[in-house]
Amino acid sequence: MCETSFSLGLQERMQRLQELTDFTESCQAELKGLFEGLGWSQESDLHAVQMEVCPYDPNHTVPRDRMEKHKASCELSKLGYSKEEQAEMLDPSVYYENANIPSITMDKDTFHQVILQTRENAPHMRSTGLHTHSDTSTDLPDIPQNHKRALCELTVADRLAIYDHVIQEASQQSAKKESNNEDLYVDLVAKLKKEEQSGPKSHLEVLAEMRDYRRRRQSYRAKNVHITKKSYTEVIREVIDIHSGELGRIWQEVKDDEFKASQQSCHRGASEKGRSASVESRESRVSSRDEHGHKRHRKHSQSRSRGRKNKCRR
């Protein structure tokens, strides 16, 4: 009985194995036909996609072309950032590509070095305007990726230290750019003249320099001191006021010219009306004189004709 049951079980297993083999062969045949219909090669496609293991989670296997994006997302997930927070994060480097603004990139080592240096330089006793040793972070935090984490994980002293470091690095970058661009603004003609005049100066040149020095001391020194005492905002405000006053003066002159032109046109119209009235009065006087003359002439001619008739009767 045991042998028969064992043989039956073995036959069932062999039958099941044959069914699985037939099923896999049919699937392989269907896949082969599908690849041939699409013009793909199954072996090349299997070897084309190269997979890599995520350094933050060994259970993640990602294609090589998407590894950088996955690493950034996986690192934020390991640091405790949710999917909503990751969706709100944007890369700010896009806004500074074509802008003349210095951008500072800080890695983790530099971040920790700035905080440690601030902690070492901070005094142990509290004083006005300075943060003490206890105001800094006891543990070295990770670089915050959003404003909320920066407020929660960094103290006021840490944020102030990071701000001072960024300002210092930005000023150094600006100074380097200005030093590199100094050659573009060099007056070559003046430079050549200065090199030509590097020899000993004549008596007339010395007198001219003394004269220019006296003039500059008398007329320009007070102005320069007055300007240096003012802030940049005050100087710009004065420039805007000067230009606004000049524009107001120009507009007032234009308005005055227009007003004068309108008055002249009114005077011309009144004078033309007066001239037309005087001409009409003159014409009426001339016509009345002509009528009176004509009447007198008729009376005189009638009196003459009457006199002649009386003579003939006599």
Protein backbone atom coordinates (compact mmCIF):
# COMPACT_ATOMS: atom_id res chain seq x y z
CA MET A 1 0.00 0.00 0.00
CA CYS A 2 2.83 2.38 0.82
CA GLU A 3 4.55 1.73 -2.47
CA THR A 4 1.38 2.29 -4.46
CA SER A 5 0.60 5.55 -2.63
CA PHE A 6 4.20 6.73 -3.14
CA SER A 7 4.05 5.92 -6.83
CA LEU A 8 0.73 7.73 -7.19
CA GLY A 9 2.13 10.81 -5.44
CA LEU A 10 5.21 10.76 -7.62
CA GLN A 11 3.11 10.52 -10.77
CA GLU A 12 0.98 13.47 -9.62
CA ARG A 13 4.11 15.51 -9.00
CA MET A 14 5.55 14.63 -12.36
CA GLN A 15 2.25 15.56 -13.97
CA ARG A 16 2.19 18.92 -12.17
CA LEU A 17 5.81 19.56 -13.18
CA GLN A 18 4.98 18.80 -16.78
CA GLU A 19 2.02 21.18 -16.66
CA LEU A 20 4.23 23.96 -15.26
CA THR A 21 6.86 23.28 -17.90
CA ASP A 22 4.27 23.43 -20.69
CA PHE A 23 2.87 26.66 -19.23
CA THR A 24 6.30 28.35 -19.04
CA GLU A 25 7.12 27.22 -22.58
CA SER A 26 3.85 28.67 -23.87
CA CYS A 27 4.57 31.95 -22.04
CA GLN A 28 8.04 32.06 -23.50
CA ALA A 29 6.61 31.45 -26.96
CA GLU A 30 4.09 34.29 -26.49
CA LEU A 31 6.81 36.66 -25.26
CA LYS A 32 9.03 35.70 -28.15
CA GLY A 33 6.26 36.42 -30.63
CA LEU A 34 5.55 39.75 -28.90
CA PHE A 35 9.21 40.82 -29.04
CA GLU A 36 9.44 39.81 -32.69
CA GLY A 37 6.29 41.76 -33.48
CA LEU A 38 7.71 44.91 -31.80
CA GLY A 39 11.15 44.44 -33.30
CA TRP A 40 12.86 44.07 -29.93
CA SER A 41 15.55 41.71 -28.81
CA GLN A 42 14.86 40.01 -25.49
CA GLU A 43 18.49 39.40 -24.60
CA SER A 44 19.65 42.95 -25.40
CA ASP A 45 16.77 44.48 -23.44
CA LEU A 46 17.55 42.38 -20.42
CA HIS A 47 21.18 43.50 -20.46
CA ALA A 48 20.49 47.14 -21.45
CA VAL A 49 18.94 48.25 -18.15
CA GLN A 50 21.66 48.33 -15.52
CA MET A 51 20.38 48.32 -11.97
CA GLU A 52 22.16 49.79 -8.95
CA VAL A 53 21.62 49.49 -5.23
CA CYS A 54 20.62 52.60 -3.31
CA PRO A 55 23.36 53.68 -0.84
CA TYR A 56 20.76 54.81 1.73
CA ASP A 57 18.61 51.66 1.62
CA PRO A 58 20.08 48.32 0.38
CA ASN A 59 16.59 47.05 -0.34
CA HIS A 60 16.15 49.63 -3.12
CA THR A 61 17.31 48.61 -6.59
CA VAL A 62 16.99 51.42 -9.11
CA PRO A 63 18.11 51.83 -12.76
CA ARG A 64 21.30 53.79 -13.17
CA ASP A 65 19.72 56.66 -15.09
CA ARG A 66 17.27 57.32 -12.23
CA MET A 67 19.67 56.77 -9.36
CA GLU A 68 20.44 60.48 -8.66
CA LYS A 69 16.77 61.39 -8.38
CA HIS A 70 16.10 58.38 -6.18
CA LYS A 71 19.07 59.17 -3.93
CA ALA A 72 17.83 62.73 -3.32
CA SER A 73 14.33 61.50 -2.46
CA CYS A 74 15.54 58.57 -0.37
CA GLU A 75 17.95 60.77 1.61
CA LEU A 76 15.15 63.20 2.48
CA SER A 77 12.94 60.28 3.50
CA LYS A 78 15.67 58.96 5.78
CA LEU A 79 16.00 62.42 7.37
CA GLY A 80 12.29 62.41 8.20
CA TYR A 81 10.85 64.63 5.45
CA SER A 82 7.38 63.64 4.31
CA LYS A 83 6.23 63.40 0.70
CA GLU A 84 4.32 66.69 1.07
CA GLU A 85 7.44 68.48 2.31
CA GLN A 86 9.51 67.01 -0.52
CA ALA A 87 6.93 68.18 -3.07
CA GLU A 88 7.22 71.76 -1.76
CA MET A 89 11.02 71.76 -2.01
CA LEU A 90 12.44 73.40 -5.15
CA ASP A 91 15.96 73.72 -6.43
CA PRO A 92 16.83 77.45 -6.05
CA SER A 93 19.77 77.26 -8.46
CA VAL A 94 17.36 77.78 -11.39
CA TYR A 95 16.68 81.34 -10.25
CA TYR A 96 20.38 82.29 -10.22
CA GLU A 97 21.50 80.95 -13.60
CA ASN A 98 21.36 84.25 -15.51
CA ALA A 99 21.41 86.58 -12.48
CA ASN A 100 24.49 88.44 -11.30
CA ILE A 101 23.97 87.27 -7.70
CA PRO A 102 26.55 85.18 -5.83
CA SER A 103 25.22 81.82 -4.65
CA ILE A 104 26.80 79.81 -1.83
CA THR A 105 26.60 76.00 -1.67
CA MET A 106 27.36 74.57 1.78
CA ASP A 107 28.09 70.91 2.36
CA LYS A 108 27.65 69.04 5.63
CA ASP A 109 31.29 69.33 6.72
CA THR A 110 31.37 73.10 6.22
CA PHE A 111 28.04 73.42 8.02
CA HIS A 112 29.32 71.55 11.06
CA GLN A 113 32.63 73.44 10.99
CA VAL A 114 30.82 76.82 11.11
CA ILE A 115 28.70 75.72 14.09
CA LEU A 116 31.72 74.27 15.95
CA GLN A 117 33.76 77.43 15.38
CA THR A 118 30.88 79.56 16.65
CA ARG A 119 30.61 77.39 19.74
CA GLU A 120 34.33 77.71 20.44
CA ASN A 121 34.36 81.50 20.01
CA ALA A 122 31.17 82.09 22.04
CA PRO A 123 31.76 83.42 25.59
CA HIS A 124 30.61 81.39 28.59
CA MET A 125 29.21 84.44 30.38
CA ARG A 126 26.23 86.32 28.98
CA SER A 127 26.90 89.85 27.69
CA THR A 128 24.90 92.39 25.73
CA GLY A 129 24.76 91.78 21.98
CA LEU A 130 26.57 88.41 22.12
CA HIS A 131 25.37 84.81 22.27
CA THR A 132 26.82 82.57 24.93
CA HIS A 133 28.16 79.05 24.68
CA SER A 134 24.82 77.64 25.81
CA ASP A 135 22.96 79.37 22.97
CA THR A 136 24.54 77.12 20.35
CA SER A 137 23.39 73.60 19.52
CA THR A 138 24.72 70.85 21.75
CA ASP A 139 24.51 68.23 18.97
CA LEU A 140 25.55 68.82 15.39
CA PRO A 141 22.32 68.90 13.37
CA ASP A 142 21.93 68.02 9.74
CA ILE A 143 21.58 70.72 7.12
CA PRO A 144 17.92 71.84 7.16
CA GLN A 145 16.25 71.61 3.78
CA ASN A 146 13.37 73.99 4.47
CA HIS A 147 12.57 77.00 6.62
CA LYS A 148 10.52 75.02 9.13
CA ARG A 149 13.38 72.64 9.94
CA ALA A 150 15.82 75.57 10.18
CA LEU A 151 13.66 77.21 12.86
CA CYS A 152 13.10 73.95 14.76
CA GLU A 153 16.58 72.39 14.65
CA LEU A 154 18.88 75.44 14.69
CA THR A 155 19.22 77.97 17.47
CA VAL A 156 19.36 81.72 16.95
CA ALA A 157 23.15 81.65 17.39
CA ASP A 158 23.50 78.89 14.78
CA ARG A 159 21.39 80.77 12.24
CA LEU A 160 23.35 83.97 12.86
CA ALA A 161 26.65 82.10 12.35
CA ILE A 162 25.42 80.59 9.08
CA TYR A 163 24.23 84.01 7.92
CA ASP A 164 27.61 85.63 8.69
CA HIS A 165 29.44 82.83 6.88
CA VAL A 166 27.26 83.22 3.76
CA ILE A 167 27.72 87.03 3.75
CA GLN A 168 31.48 86.65 4.05
CA GLU A 169 31.69 84.11 1.23
CA ALA A 170 29.48 86.26 -1.02
CA SER A 171 31.61 89.36 -0.40
CA GLN A 172 34.74 87.39 -1.27
CA GLN A 173 33.19 86.19 -4.52
CA SER A 174 32.17 89.74 -5.42
CA ALA A 175 35.68 91.01 -4.65
CA LYS A 176 37.19 88.33 -6.91
CA LYS A 177 34.86 89.27 -9.77
CA GLU A 178 35.69 92.95 -9.39
CA SER A 179 39.43 92.23 -9.38
CA ASN A 180 39.05 90.12 -12.52
CA ASN A 181 37.12 92.91 -14.27
CA GLU A 182 39.54 95.72 -13.35
CA ASP A 183 41.48 95.26 -16.59
CA LEU A 184 38.33 96.06 -18.59
CA TYR A 185 38.10 99.56 -17.11
CA VAL A 186 41.74 100.57 -17.29
CA ASP A 187 42.42 103.79 -19.19
CA LEU A 188 45.23 102.63 -21.44
CA VAL A 189 45.94 106.12 -22.78
CA ALA A 190 46.37 107.53 -19.30
CA LYS A 191 48.46 104.52 -18.35
CA LEU A 192 50.80 105.04 -21.32
CA LYS A 193 51.08 108.75 -20.57
CA LYS A 194 51.90 107.97 -16.98
CA GLU A 195 54.61 105.56 -18.06
CA GLU A 196 55.99 108.16 -20.46
CA GLN A 197 56.00 110.79 -17.72
CA SER A 198 57.67 108.52 -15.19
CA GLY A 199 60.87 110.57 -15.58
CA PRO A 200 61.78 113.64 -13.51
CA LYS A 201 59.20 116.45 -13.60
CA SER A 202 59.99 119.90 -14.87
CA HIS A 203 59.56 123.10 -12.89
CA LEU A 204 56.38 124.02 -14.78
CA GLU A 205 54.80 120.61 -14.07
CA VAL A 206 55.54 120.98 -10.37
CA LEU A 207 53.94 124.45 -10.34
CA ALA A 208 50.88 123.13 -12.18
CA GLU A 209 50.49 120.32 -9.64
CA MET A 210 50.74 122.77 -6.74
CA ARG A 211 48.13 124.99 -8.39
CA ASP A 212 45.75 122.08 -8.93
CA TYR A 213 46.30 120.97 -5.33
CA ARG A 214 45.39 124.42 -3.97
CA ARG A 215 42.28 124.59 -6.15
CA ARG A 216 41.19 121.13 -5.12
CA ARG A 217 41.77 121.86 -1.46
CA GLN A 218 39.69 125.05 -1.55
CA SER A 219 36.81 124.09 -3.80
CA TYR A 220 36.40 120.33 -3.57
CA ARG A 221 37.31 119.27 -0.07
CA ALA A 222 34.14 120.53 1.60
CA LYS A 223 31.98 118.93 -1.06
CA ASN A 224 33.70 115.59 -0.74
CA VAL A 225 33.40 115.59 3.04
CA HIS A 226 29.74 116.55 2.78
CA ILE A 227 29.06 113.65 0.41
CA THR A 228 30.99 111.08 2.42
CA LYS A 229 28.91 111.88 5.50
CA LYS A 230 25.74 110.89 3.69
CA SER A 231 24.48 107.37 3.24
CA TYR A 232 23.81 105.75 -0.10
CA THR A 233 20.05 106.18 0.34
CA GLU A 234 20.42 109.92 1.03
CA VAL A 235 22.62 110.44 -2.02
CA ILE A 236 20.15 108.57 -4.26
CA ARG A 237 17.27 110.55 -2.77
CA GLU A 238 19.03 113.83 -3.59
CA VAL A 239 19.70 112.67 -7.15
CA ILE A 240 16.02 111.76 -7.58
CA ASP A 241 14.96 115.14 -6.15
CA ILE A 242 17.27 117.00 -8.54
CA HIS A 243 15.96 115.10 -11.57
CA SER A 244 12.36 115.55 -10.40
CA GLY A 245 12.89 119.29 -10.01
CA GLU A 246 14.48 119.52 -13.43
CA LEU A 247 11.58 117.63 -15.01
CA GLY A 248 9.10 119.85 -13.17
CA ARG A 249 10.88 122.95 -14.45
CA ILE A 250 10.81 121.64 -18.03
CA TRP A 251 7.11 120.79 -17.77
CA GLN A 252 6.37 124.26 -16.34
CA GLU A 253 8.22 125.87 -19.24
CA VAL A 254 6.20 123.81 -21.71
CA LYS A 255 2.97 124.83 -19.98
CA ASP A 256 4.02 128.49 -20.01
CA ASP A 257 4.83 128.30 -23.73
CA GLU A 258 1.44 126.73 -24.44
CA PHE A 259 -0.31 129.42 -22.36
CA LYS A 260 1.55 132.21 -24.19
CA ALA A 261 0.69 130.66 -27.54
CA SER A 262 -3.00 130.48 -26.59
CA GLN A 263 -2.96 134.13 -25.44
CA GLN A 264 -1.31 135.23 -28.67
CA SER A 265 -3.93 133.39 -30.69
CA CYS A 266 -6.68 135.11 -28.66
CA HIS A 267 -5.09 138.55 -29.22
CA ARG A 268 -4.76 137.84 -32.93
CA GLY A 269 -8.44 136.90 -33.13
CA ALA A 270 -9.49 140.06 -31.27
CA SER A 271 -7.27 142.28 -33.46
CA GLU A 272 -8.63 140.67 -36.62
CA LYS A 273 -12.18 141.33 -35.39
CA GLY A 274 -11.28 144.96 -34.63
CA ARG A 275 -9.71 145.37 -38.05
CA SER A 276 -12.76 143.96 -39.80
CA ALA A 277 -15.03 146.33 -37.82
CA SER A 278 -12.84 149.37 -38.69
CA VAL A 279 -12.80 148.35 -42.35
CA GLU A 280 -16.57 148.06 -42.40
CA SER A 281 -16.94 151.49 -40.74
CA ARG A 282 -14.55 153.02 -43.28
CA GLU A 283 -16.45 151.43 -46.15
CA SER A 284 -19.76 152.73 -44.75
CA ARG A 285 -18.28 156.24 -44.43
CA VAL A 286 -16.98 156.16 -48.00
CA SER A 287 -20.34 154.97 -49.33
CA SER A 288 -22.21 157.72 -47.40
CA ARG A 289 -19.79 160.32 -48.77
CA ASP A 290 -20.35 159.03 -52.29
CA GLU A 291 -24.09 159.23 -51.84
CA HIS A 292 -23.90 162.82 -50.53
CA GLY A 293 -21.62 163.80 -53.42
CA HIS A 294 -23.95 162.21 -55.91
CA LYS A 295 -26.94 164.05 -54.45
CA ARG A 296 -25.08 167.37 -54.53
CA HIS A 297 -24.05 166.74 -58.11
CA ARG A 298 -27.67 166.03 -59.10
CA LYS A 299 -28.91 169.18 -57.34
CA HIS A 300 -26.23 171.30 -58.98
CA SER A 301 -27.03 169.86 -62.43
CA GLN A 302 -30.75 170.47 -61.92
CA SER A 303 -30.12 174.09 -60.85
CA ARG A 304 -27.98 174.66 -63.96
CA SER A 305 -30.64 173.23 -66.28
CA ARG A 306 -33.27 175.46 -64.69
CA GLY A 307 -31.08 178.54 -65.14
CA ARG A 308 -30.56 177.78 -68.81
CA LYS A 309 -34.31 177.36 -69.39
CA ASN A 310 -35.06 180.73 -67.75
CA LYS A 311 -32.47 182.46 -69.98
CA CYS A 312 -34.04 180.96 -73.11
CA ARG A 313 -37.51 182.20 -72.10
CA ARG A 314 -36.19 185.70 -71.61
